[in-house]
Protein backbone atom coordinates (compact mmCIF):
# COMPACT_ATOMS: atom_id res chain seq x y z
CA MET A 1 150.19 147.17 33.69
CA ILE A 2 150.58 150.86 33.15
CA CYS A 3 150.30 150.26 29.28
CA SER A 4 147.19 148.27 29.86
CA SER A 5 145.55 151.05 31.89
CA TRP A 6 146.58 153.68 29.34
CA LEU A 7 145.06 151.65 26.45
CA GLN A 8 141.83 151.22 28.32
CA GLY A 9 141.66 154.97 28.87
CA CYS A 10 142.18 155.69 25.35
CA SER A 11 139.58 153.12 24.47
CA ALA A 12 137.10 154.99 26.79
CA SER A 13 138.02 158.42 25.38
CA PHE A 14 137.78 157.55 21.62
CA ARG A 15 135.05 155.71 19.71
CA VAL A 16 136.51 153.92 16.76
CA THR A 17 134.15 154.09 13.78
CA PRO A 18 134.23 151.18 11.62
CA GLU A 19 135.38 151.69 8.08
CA GLU A 20 132.73 151.92 5.60
CA PRO A 21 132.39 149.26 3.04
CA VAL A 22 134.05 149.91 -0.16
CA LEU A 23 131.09 149.45 -2.32
CA LYS A 24 129.21 151.97 -0.28
CA ARG A 25 131.89 154.49 -0.37
CA SER A 26 132.11 154.03 -4.19
CA CYS A 27 128.38 154.59 -4.65
CA ARG A 28 128.37 157.66 -2.41
CA ALA A 29 131.23 159.24 -4.32
CA SER A 30 129.68 158.34 -7.68
CA HIS A 31 126.40 160.01 -6.66
CA TYR A 32 128.12 163.33 -5.61
CA GLU A 33 130.23 163.47 -8.65
CA HIS A 34 126.97 163.07 -10.68
CA VAL A 35 125.45 165.92 -8.68
CA ALA A 36 128.60 168.09 -8.88
CA ASP A 37 128.43 167.97 -12.62
CA ARG A 38 125.35 170.21 -12.38
CA VAL A 39 126.35 172.73 -9.73
CA SER A 40 128.82 175.49 -9.39
CA GLU A 41 131.73 175.39 -6.91
CA LEU A 42 130.35 178.42 -4.90
CA ASP A 43 126.95 176.92 -4.39
CA VAL A 44 128.33 173.50 -3.44
CA GLN A 45 130.77 175.03 -0.91
CA SER A 46 128.20 177.26 0.56
CA ASN A 47 125.21 174.80 0.88
CA VAL A 48 126.49 171.39 1.38
CA ARG A 49 126.00 170.66 5.03
CA ASP A 50 127.98 167.55 5.52
CA SER A 51 131.60 168.28 5.87
CA ARG A 52 132.31 164.79 4.65
CA LEU A 53 131.33 165.90 1.10
CA SER A 54 133.78 168.84 1.01
CA THR A 55 136.60 166.86 -0.58
CA VAL A 56 134.39 165.14 -3.13
CA ALA A 57 132.51 168.34 -3.84
CA SER A 58 135.74 170.40 -4.36
CA ALA A 59 136.85 167.96 -6.99
CA ALA A 60 133.41 167.81 -8.59
CA ALA A 61 133.11 171.62 -8.54
CA SER A 62 136.20 172.03 -10.51
CA LYS A 63 134.93 169.72 -13.17
CA ALA A 64 131.44 171.45 -13.12
CA GLN A 65 133.00 174.86 -13.62
CA ALA A 66 134.48 173.88 -16.88
CA ILE A 67 131.22 172.36 -18.33
CA ALA A 68 128.68 174.54 -16.58
CA PRO A 69 128.13 177.09 -19.39
CA THR A 70 126.99 174.37 -21.66
CA HIS A 71 124.33 173.08 -19.29
CA HIS A 72 121.27 175.32 -19.00
CA PHE A 73 118.80 172.98 -17.34
CA ALA A 74 118.81 171.06 -14.09
CA VAL A 75 118.74 167.35 -14.44
CA GLU A 76 116.84 165.64 -11.76
CA THR A 77 117.79 162.15 -10.35
CA ASP A 78 116.60 159.27 -12.42
CA GLY A 79 116.11 157.15 -9.42
CA THR A 80 119.02 154.68 -10.15
CA ILE A 81 120.94 155.62 -6.89
CA PRO A 82 119.38 153.78 -3.99
CA GLN A 83 117.74 156.32 -1.71
CA GLN A 84 119.54 155.06 1.42
CA GLN A 85 122.88 155.68 -0.12
CA VAL A 86 122.39 159.58 0.02
CA PRO A 87 120.85 161.41 2.99
CA ALA A 88 117.51 162.80 1.78
CA GLY A 89 118.03 166.28 3.17
CA GLU A 90 121.50 166.67 1.52
CA PHE A 91 120.10 165.47 -1.93
CA GLU A 92 117.18 167.85 -1.91
CA ASP A 93 119.38 170.65 -0.95
CA ALA A 94 121.69 169.75 -3.77
CA LYS A 95 118.73 169.73 -6.22
CA PHE A 96 117.54 173.14 -5.23
CA GLU A 97 120.95 174.72 -5.32
CA THR A 98 121.55 173.09 -8.81
CA ARG A 99 118.29 174.70 -10.11
CA VAL A 100 119.31 178.08 -8.62
CA GLN A 101 122.74 177.85 -10.06
CA MET A 102 121.39 176.76 -13.56
CA SER A 103 119.05 179.74 -13.72
CA ARG A 104 122.14 181.99 -13.06
CA SER A 105 124.21 180.26 -15.69
CA PHE A 106 122.20 181.52 -18.79
CA SER A 107 124.27 183.69 -21.10
CA GLU A 108 123.44 187.32 -21.57
CA GLY A 109 122.11 186.55 -25.05
CA GLN A 110 119.90 183.85 -23.65
CA LEU A 111 118.52 186.24 -20.94
CA ASP A 112 117.95 188.76 -23.73
CA THR A 113 116.01 186.18 -25.51
CA LEU A 114 113.79 185.50 -22.57
CA VAL A 115 113.18 189.17 -21.96
CA VAL A 116 112.48 189.84 -25.70
CA ARG A 117 110.07 187.02 -26.07
CA PRO A 118 107.12 188.89 -24.29
CA GLU A 119 108.02 191.91 -26.35
CA ARG A 120 107.83 189.82 -29.58
CA LEU A 121 104.48 188.59 -28.48
CA GLN A 122 103.39 192.18 -27.85
CA ALA A 123 104.59 193.14 -31.27
CA GLY A 124 102.63 190.26 -32.80
CA ASP A 125 99.56 191.48 -31.01
CA SER A 126 100.24 194.98 -32.23
CA ALA A 127 100.65 193.70 -35.91
CA LEU A 128 97.33 191.74 -35.58
CA GLU A 129 95.60 194.70 -34.16
CA SER A 130 96.92 196.89 -36.99
CA SER A 131 95.82 194.25 -39.65
CA LEU A 132 92.41 194.06 -38.02
CA LYS A 133 92.16 197.97 -37.89
CA VAL A 134 93.22 198.05 -41.59
CA ARG A 135 90.56 195.52 -42.50
CA LEU A 136 87.91 197.43 -40.43
CA GLU A 137 88.85 200.78 -42.19
CA THR A 138 88.56 198.95 -45.59
CA SER A 139 85.24 197.55 -44.65
CA GLU A 140 84.00 200.93 -43.44
CA HIS A 141 85.25 202.44 -46.66
CA ALA A 142 83.46 199.80 -48.70
CA CYS A 143 80.34 200.47 -46.68
CA GLU A 144 80.74 204.08 -47.45
CA VAL A 145 81.20 203.43 -51.11
CA LEU A 146 77.97 201.31 -51.18
CA ARG A 147 76.00 203.88 -49.30
CA SER A 148 77.37 206.54 -51.83
CA GLU A 149 76.29 204.29 -54.74
CA ASN A 150 72.85 203.60 -53.18
CA GLU A 151 72.25 207.45 -52.86
CA SER A 152 73.35 207.79 -56.57
CA LEU A 153 71.00 205.08 -57.56
CA LYS A 154 68.20 206.70 -55.66
CA ALA A 155 68.91 209.96 -57.36
CA GLU A 156 68.98 208.24 -60.75
CA ASN A 157 65.65 206.58 -59.99
CA ALA A 158 64.23 209.91 -59.06
CA ILE A 159 65.40 211.38 -62.38
CA LEU A 160 63.99 208.46 -64.20
CA ARG A 161 60.62 208.83 -62.56
CA GLU A 162 60.64 212.47 -63.27
CA GLY A 163 61.62 211.75 -66.82
CA LEU A 164 58.79 209.19 -67.18
CA GLN A 165 56.30 211.69 -65.84
CA THR A 166 57.66 214.26 -68.30
CA LEU A 167 57.43 211.62 -71.13
CA LYS A 168 53.88 210.96 -70.15
CA ARG A 169 52.91 214.69 -70.32
CA LYS A 170 54.60 214.89 -73.65
CA ILE A 171 52.53 212.01 -74.91
CA ARG A 172 49.33 213.61 -73.70
CA VAL A 173 50.48 216.86 -75.35
CA LEU A 174 51.34 214.99 -78.53
CA ALA A 175 47.95 213.18 -78.41
CA GLN A 176 46.22 216.49 -77.99
CA THR A 177 48.17 218.22 -80.65
CA ARG A 178 47.50 215.30 -82.92
CA VAL A 179 43.86 216.25 -83.15
CA PRO A 180 42.81 216.34 -86.69
CA ALA A 181 41.74 219.53 -88.41
CA GLY A 182 38.07 220.26 -87.87
CA ALA A 183 37.80 218.27 -84.62
CA PHE A 184 36.71 220.20 -81.43
CA GLY A 185 39.41 218.97 -79.06
CA PRO A 186 41.14 220.35 -75.93
CA ALA A 187 42.69 223.40 -77.68
CA ALA A 188 39.33 224.56 -79.00
CA TRP A 189 37.74 224.04 -75.58
CA SER A 190 40.44 226.00 -73.98
CA GLN A 191 39.93 228.79 -76.51
CA TYR A 192 36.21 229.17 -76.38
CA PHE A 193 35.09 227.69 -72.99
CA GLY A 194 37.86 226.87 -70.66
CA GLU A 195 40.43 224.30 -69.60
CA VAL A 196 39.20 220.62 -69.60
CA GLY A 197 42.13 218.94 -67.80
CA THR A 198 43.44 215.55 -68.66
CA VAL A 199 42.35 214.29 -72.04
CA PRO A 200 42.38 210.72 -73.32
CA PRO A 201 44.42 210.27 -76.55
CA LEU A 202 42.61 209.67 -79.87
CA PRO A 203 43.13 206.19 -81.42
CA ALA A 204 46.20 205.84 -83.31
CA ASN A 205 44.44 205.00 -86.49
CA ILE A 206 42.14 208.16 -86.24
CA ALA A 207 43.31 209.33 -89.58
CA ARG A 208 42.24 206.10 -91.27
CA ILE A 209 39.01 206.10 -89.47
CA LEU A 210 38.18 209.50 -90.73
CA ASN A 211 39.11 208.63 -94.35
CA ASP A 212 37.18 205.38 -94.22
CA PRO A 213 33.89 205.24 -96.41
CA CYS A 214 30.79 206.52 -94.38
CA PRO A 215 28.60 203.52 -93.36
CA PHE A 216 25.48 205.83 -93.74
CA TRP A 217 26.01 207.91 -96.92
CA ALA A 218 27.50 206.20 -99.95
CA GLY A 219 30.39 207.84 -101.76
CA ARG A 220 31.36 210.00 -98.78
CA CYS A 221 33.93 209.59 -96.04
CA VAL A 222 33.50 209.75 -92.45
CA ARG A 223 35.30 213.17 -91.93
CA ASP A 224 32.67 214.70 -94.41
CA THR A 225 29.52 213.32 -92.62
CA HIS A 226 30.57 213.29 -88.92
CA LEU A 227 31.65 215.69 -86.22
CA LEU A 228 34.72 214.68 -84.08
CA VAL A 229 34.16 216.16 -80.65
CA LEU A 230 35.64 215.92 -77.07
CA ILE A 231 33.14 215.49 -74.43
CA PRO A 232 34.81 216.78 -71.26
CA SER A 233 34.12 215.66 -67.65
CA SER A 234 34.85 219.22 -66.39
CA VAL A 235 35.57 222.71 -67.56
CA ASP A 236 37.61 225.05 -65.54
CA GLY A 237 37.22 222.71 -62.68
CA ARG A 238 33.41 222.61 -62.86
CA ASP A 239 31.46 219.47 -63.72
CA PHE A 240 30.33 219.47 -67.27
CA SER A 241 26.62 219.15 -67.83
CA LEU A 242 23.66 220.47 -69.80
CA ASP A 243 23.21 223.26 -67.32
CA LEU A 244 26.83 224.39 -67.46
CA LEU A 245 26.71 224.06 -71.44
CA GLY A 246 23.79 226.32 -71.47
CA GLU A 247 25.73 228.83 -69.44
CA LEU A 248 28.95 228.68 -71.41
CA ILE A 249 27.47 228.92 -74.77
CA GLN A 250 25.94 232.40 -74.03
CA SER A 251 29.37 233.89 -73.58
CA PRO A 252 32.17 232.09 -75.46
CA LYS A 253 35.65 233.27 -75.37
CA GLY A 254 38.19 233.68 -78.16
CA GLY A 255 35.75 235.39 -80.75
CA GLY A 256 33.32 232.40 -80.75
CA TYR A 257 29.65 232.70 -81.75
CA PRO A 258 27.26 232.99 -78.82
CA THR A 259 23.86 231.39 -78.57
CA ARG A 260 21.52 229.95 -76.00
CA PHE A 261 18.99 227.17 -75.36
CA ARG A 262 15.80 228.45 -77.01
CA VAL A 263 13.86 225.81 -75.18
CA TYR A 264 15.16 223.93 -72.18
CA ASP A 265 12.40 221.56 -71.12
CA GLY A 266 11.72 221.49 -67.34
CA ASN A 267 11.51 217.72 -67.22
CA VAL A 268 14.75 217.30 -69.11
CA GLN A 269 16.32 219.74 -66.98
CA GLU A 270 15.26 218.04 -63.81
CA VAL A 271 16.20 214.61 -64.84
CA LEU A 272 19.30 215.24 -66.99
CA GLY A 273 20.40 218.80 -66.47
CA ALA A 274 23.13 218.11 -63.83
CA GLN A 275 24.32 214.73 -65.02
CA SER A 276 28.09 214.85 -65.76
CA PRO A 277 30.42 212.32 -67.53
CA VAL A 278 32.62 210.35 -65.23
CA ARG A 279 35.62 210.78 -67.52
CA PRO A 280 36.29 212.66 -70.72
CA TYR A 281 35.99 210.87 -74.14
CA TRP A 282 35.85 211.35 -77.77
CA VAL A 283 32.67 210.93 -80.09
CA LEU A 284 31.91 210.79 -83.73
CA MET A 285 28.36 211.87 -84.38
CA THR A 286 26.67 212.22 -87.72
CA ARG A 287 26.13 215.85 -88.95
CA ASP A 288 22.50 214.96 -89.80
CA VAL A 289 19.81 212.42 -89.02
CA LEU A 290 19.99 209.26 -90.97
CA ASP A 291 18.11 208.70 -94.09
CA GLY A 292 14.82 206.87 -93.52
CA SER A 293 14.61 207.73 -89.88
CA ARG A 294 12.16 210.69 -89.99
CA SER A 295 8.64 210.31 -88.85
CA LYS A 296 9.18 206.88 -87.35
CA LYS A 297 8.49 205.47 -83.99
CA TYR A 298 11.31 205.60 -81.46
CA ALA A 299 11.66 201.73 -81.39
CA TYR A 300 12.16 201.72 -85.16
CA GLN A 301 14.73 204.37 -84.93
CA LYS A 302 16.76 202.55 -82.49
CA ALA A 303 16.53 199.40 -84.51
CA LEU A 304 17.68 201.25 -87.49
CA VAL A 305 20.85 202.33 -85.90
CA ALA A 306 21.52 198.91 -84.28
CA SER A 307 21.12 197.12 -87.62
CA ARG A 308 23.52 199.55 -89.34
CA ALA A 309 26.11 198.80 -86.57
CA ARG A 310 25.74 195.08 -87.03
CA ASP A 311 26.25 195.43 -90.77
CA THR A 312 29.37 197.52 -90.40
CA GLY A 313 30.79 195.99 -87.26
CA LEU A 314 31.00 199.60 -85.80
CA LEU A 315 29.56 200.34 -82.33
CA TYR A 316 27.11 202.98 -83.37
CA VAL A 317 24.25 204.03 -80.97
CA LEU A 318 21.77 206.75 -80.43
CA PRO A 319 23.41 209.93 -79.06
CA GLY A 320 22.81 211.08 -75.44
CA VAL A 321 21.17 214.51 -75.18
CA LEU A 322 24.28 216.10 -73.69
CA GLU A 323 26.44 214.58 -76.44
CA ALA A 324 24.08 215.81 -79.18
CA ALA A 325 23.74 219.34 -77.79
CA THR A 326 27.58 219.58 -77.22
CA ALA A 327 28.43 218.43 -80.82
CA ILE A 328 25.77 220.80 -82.45
CA LEU A 329 26.83 223.89 -80.26
CA SER A 330 30.61 223.34 -80.38
CA HIS A 331 30.52 223.31 -84.14
CA TYR A 332 28.48 226.56 -84.08
CA VAL A 333 30.64 228.42 -81.64
CA ARG A 334 33.64 228.03 -84.04
CA SER A 335 32.15 228.15 -87.49
CA GLY A 336 28.81 230.04 -87.00
CA GLU A 337 27.11 227.13 -88.81
CA ARG A 338 23.82 225.77 -87.49
CA LEU A 339 23.28 222.15 -87.88
CA TYR A 340 19.99 220.19 -87.06
CA ALA A 341 18.33 223.55 -87.95
CA ASP A 342 14.99 224.54 -89.52
CA ALA A 343 15.56 223.92 -93.29
CA PRO A 344 13.94 221.40 -92.94
CA TRP A 345 13.17 221.26 -89.25
CA THR A 346 15.38 218.55 -87.81
CA TYR A 347 15.59 217.06 -84.34
CA THR A 348 17.46 214.04 -83.26
CA ARG A 349 16.06 211.69 -80.69
CA CYS A 350 18.41 210.58 -78.03
CA ARG A 351 18.79 207.48 -75.87
CA GLU A 352 17.64 209.04 -72.52
CA VAL A 353 13.87 208.73 -71.78
CA VAL A 354 12.12 211.19 -69.56
CA ASP A 355 9.37 210.04 -67.26
CA SER A 356 9.76 206.46 -68.77
CA GLN A 357 7.96 207.39 -71.97
CA TYR A 358 9.27 210.48 -73.59
CA PRO A 359 12.55 210.32 -75.47
CA SER A 360 14.68 213.32 -75.19
CA VAL A 361 15.42 215.41 -78.24
CA SER A 362 17.77 217.98 -79.38
CA GLY A 363 17.66 220.27 -82.57
CA GLY A 364 15.54 222.97 -84.18
CA PHE A 365 18.56 225.27 -84.01
CA VAL A 366 17.54 228.71 -85.19
CA SER A 367 18.75 232.16 -84.43
CA GLY A 368 16.95 232.07 -81.17
CA GLY A 369 18.95 229.08 -80.02
CA LEU A 370 18.85 225.30 -79.68
CA ASP A 371 15.90 223.37 -78.64
CA VAL A 372 16.52 220.74 -75.82
CA ASN A 373 13.23 219.09 -75.27
CA CYS A 374 11.30 215.85 -74.99
CA SER A 375 8.95 214.31 -77.62
CA SER A 376 5.75 212.66 -76.80
CA HIS A 377 4.49 211.81 -80.27
CA VAL A 378 5.64 210.88 -83.72
CA HIS A 379 6.56 214.03 -85.74
CA TYR A 380 8.00 214.42 -89.28
CA CYS A 381 10.86 216.52 -88.03
CA ASP A 382 12.16 213.89 -85.52
CA GLY A 383 14.75 211.55 -87.00
CA VAL A 384 17.79 210.03 -85.29
CA ALA A 385 21.52 210.63 -85.48
CA ALA A 386 24.19 207.90 -85.02
CA LEU A 387 27.06 208.19 -82.57
CA ARG A 388 30.21 206.17 -82.09
CA ARG A 389 32.45 206.48 -78.98
CA LEU A 390 36.12 206.27 -79.53
């Protein structure tokens, strides 16, 4: 009786826990062994809450301590262990502690590697920056070289342009100095009257032209029967004209022979006196009137020159009054010889007509000067010269 009462008291004081099934205990132990392979002893002993795992964890920690240095990454559960076999809170704590421990288990060299990696990236960035800087400096240097070469080319172009201008001036000088003997060119104008500025060159075959047979007087060449004269457009900056020629001839420079207009018809002066050539040019004019042209009507005289031009293929025309007066007076100022003079009296009719009916004339050159007039009737002394522009 006493024993029965004692057993009942013990039964009331103590709750007997049924033994866990063998399979369940085996799965639980297997799971914690699997987890213990990935944690250190210190972390497992300090963080596992269930005292029931202490024995299993101690044994697993010893095993983990030996292999931990070779495991550097946490291995999460693969889901093969049934969730109900491991309390969720304990399993998550174990995973967390495993990751913490694994982060501490890297060797010093591995930690150095982790620390150095950003530095290596920074070094790579520095190298790239240095490379780009070198390329930029190279590009800037190339641009500077190109700019320098461009400036050099500009300077060379300027030199070439200057050289071209110099060459043109030399060509003009050579053209002027190539004036044949006896021609009244720019040098003669400068000596006796003044500077005439830019002068067109003579034809390249001027020597042959002067040596050709004269189309008007057989047996003679052009240089013997013609005057080669430059007709300027200005003299010392003043427009060249009959009015200016009459002024210049009175007081030539350089030892020239002076003379004047003995007659300067008012109608001619009014209509033609101030007319000036647009540009300078050269002329060849006969030293005398053509044979068979005296005492003829003006229309006949013009036809005579035109027919001779057609026969020879040379562009001969009647001279202008300024051209005729200039050729006669320029020859005189240098040589003192009077052409179209008074033995016999000789005038050349010109292509300008005054008052629509009176051809202009020039000649009758005597000691008193040159006659610049107009002719209203047929006269024995009026012939016609021939002129060719070059």
